[in-house]
Amino acid sequence: MGKRLLRSLALVFGCVAVSSLGYTFALNIIESASGSIPLFLYNSQ
């Protein structure tokens, strides 16, 4: 039971980490392309 719980928690935290890294990466691309982060994206954080 403990291993299954640990595995599911690791999966959840991994997904959160990957999605937040992807969001940061996308923001960096947008910023370098346009010169500034669009305000609606910046305010939605």
N, C-alpha and C. Protein backbone atom coordinates (compact mmCIF):
# COMPACT_ATOMS: atom_id res chain seq x y z
N MET A 1 0.83 -1.20 0.00
CA MET A 1 0.00 0.00 0.00
C MET A 1 0.86 1.25 0.00
N GLY A 2 1.90 1.25 0.84
CA GLY A 2 2.75 2.43 0.93
C GLY A 2 3.49 2.72 -0.37
N LYS A 3 3.95 1.64 -1.03
CA LYS A 3 4.67 1.85 -2.28
C LYS A 3 3.76 2.41 -3.35
N ARG A 4 2.51 1.92 -3.39
CA ARG A 4 1.57 2.41 -4.39
C ARG A 4 1.26 3.89 -4.16
N LEU A 5 1.07 4.26 -2.88
CA LEU A 5 0.79 5.66 -2.55
C LEU A 5 1.98 6.54 -2.92
N LEU A 6 3.19 6.06 -2.59
CA LEU A 6 4.40 6.81 -2.91
C LEU A 6 4.55 6.99 -4.41
N ARG A 7 4.25 5.92 -5.16
CA ARG A 7 4.38 5.98 -6.61
C ARG A 7 3.39 6.97 -7.21
N SER A 8 2.14 6.97 -6.70
CA SER A 8 1.14 7.90 -7.24
C SER A 8 1.49 9.34 -6.88
N LEU A 9 2.02 9.54 -5.66
CA LEU A 9 2.45 10.89 -5.29
C LEU A 9 3.60 11.36 -6.16
N ALA A 10 4.55 10.47 -6.43
CA ALA A 10 5.68 10.82 -7.29
C ALA A 10 5.19 11.16 -8.69
N LEU A 11 4.19 10.42 -9.17
CA LEU A 11 3.64 10.69 -10.49
C LEU A 11 2.98 12.07 -10.54
N VAL A 12 2.19 12.38 -9.50
CA VAL A 12 1.52 13.68 -9.44
C VAL A 12 2.54 14.81 -9.40
N PHE A 13 3.54 14.69 -8.50
CA PHE A 13 4.54 15.75 -8.39
C PHE A 13 5.38 15.87 -9.67
N GLY A 14 5.64 14.75 -10.32
CA GLY A 14 6.37 14.79 -11.59
C GLY A 14 5.58 15.52 -12.65
N CYS A 15 4.28 15.25 -12.72
CA CYS A 15 3.43 15.93 -13.71
C CYS A 15 3.39 17.43 -13.44
N VAL A 16 3.26 17.80 -12.17
CA VAL A 16 3.22 19.22 -11.81
C VAL A 16 4.54 19.90 -12.17
N ALA A 17 5.66 19.24 -11.86
CA ALA A 17 6.97 19.82 -12.16
C ALA A 17 7.16 19.99 -13.66
N VAL A 18 6.78 18.96 -14.44
CA VAL A 18 6.95 19.02 -15.89
C VAL A 18 6.07 20.12 -16.48
N SER A 19 4.82 20.23 -16.01
CA SER A 19 3.93 21.24 -16.58
C SER A 19 4.40 22.65 -16.21
N SER A 20 4.92 22.83 -15.00
CA SER A 20 5.39 24.16 -14.62
C SER A 20 6.66 24.52 -15.38
N LEU A 21 7.53 23.53 -15.62
CA LEU A 21 8.72 23.78 -16.43
C LEU A 21 8.33 24.11 -17.87
N GLY A 22 7.34 23.40 -18.38
CA GLY A 22 6.88 23.67 -19.74
C GLY A 22 6.29 25.06 -19.86
N TYR A 23 5.53 25.48 -18.82
CA TYR A 23 4.94 26.82 -18.83
C TYR A 23 6.02 27.89 -18.81
N THR A 24 7.04 27.69 -17.96
CA THR A 24 8.15 28.65 -17.89
C THR A 24 8.90 28.70 -19.21
N PHE A 25 9.12 27.53 -19.81
CA PHE A 25 9.81 27.45 -21.10
C PHE A 25 9.03 28.18 -22.18
N ALA A 26 7.70 27.99 -22.20
CA ALA A 26 6.85 28.67 -23.19
C ALA A 26 6.90 30.18 -22.97
N LEU A 27 6.88 30.62 -21.72
CA LEU A 27 6.95 32.06 -21.44
C LEU A 27 8.29 32.63 -21.90
N ASN A 28 9.37 31.89 -21.71
CA ASN A 28 10.68 32.35 -22.15
C ASN A 28 10.73 32.49 -23.67
N ILE A 29 10.13 31.54 -24.38
CA ILE A 29 10.10 31.61 -25.84
C ILE A 29 9.29 32.82 -26.29
N ILE A 30 8.12 33.03 -25.68
CA ILE A 30 7.28 34.17 -26.05
C ILE A 30 8.02 35.48 -25.76
N GLU A 31 8.69 35.54 -24.61
CA GLU A 31 9.39 36.76 -24.24
C GLU A 31 10.53 37.06 -25.21
N SER A 32 11.28 36.04 -25.60
CA SER A 32 12.39 36.27 -26.51
C SER A 32 11.89 36.59 -27.91
N ALA A 33 10.71 36.09 -28.26
CA ALA A 33 10.18 36.34 -29.59
C ALA A 33 9.59 37.75 -29.69
N SER A 34 8.85 38.17 -28.66
CA SER A 34 8.14 39.45 -28.76
C SER A 34 8.83 40.56 -27.98
N GLY A 35 9.77 40.23 -27.12
CA GLY A 35 10.48 41.25 -26.37
C GLY A 35 9.89 41.50 -24.99
N SER A 36 8.64 41.12 -24.78
CA SER A 36 8.03 41.28 -23.45
C SER A 36 6.90 40.28 -23.31
N ILE A 37 6.68 39.85 -22.08
CA ILE A 37 5.60 38.89 -21.84
C ILE A 37 4.26 39.60 -21.96
N PRO A 38 3.33 39.03 -22.73
CA PRO A 38 1.98 39.62 -22.78
C PRO A 38 1.37 39.70 -21.39
N LEU A 39 0.69 40.79 -21.11
CA LEU A 39 0.21 41.04 -19.76
C LEU A 39 -0.80 40.02 -19.29
N PHE A 40 -1.67 39.52 -20.18
CA PHE A 40 -2.68 38.58 -19.72
C PHE A 40 -2.04 37.27 -19.27
N LEU A 41 -0.93 36.87 -19.92
CA LEU A 41 -0.22 35.67 -19.48
C LEU A 41 0.48 35.92 -18.15
N TYR A 42 1.06 37.11 -18.01
CA TYR A 42 1.80 37.43 -16.80
C TYR A 42 0.86 37.52 -15.60
N ASN A 43 -0.34 38.07 -15.82
CA ASN A 43 -1.28 38.25 -14.72
C ASN A 43 -1.99 36.97 -14.34
N SER A 44 -1.98 35.96 -15.21
CA SER A 44 -2.71 34.73 -14.92
C SER A 44 -1.94 33.80 -14.02
N GLN A 45 -0.72 34.14 -13.67
CA GLN A 45 0.07 33.25 -12.81
C GLN A 45 -0.49 33.23 -11.39
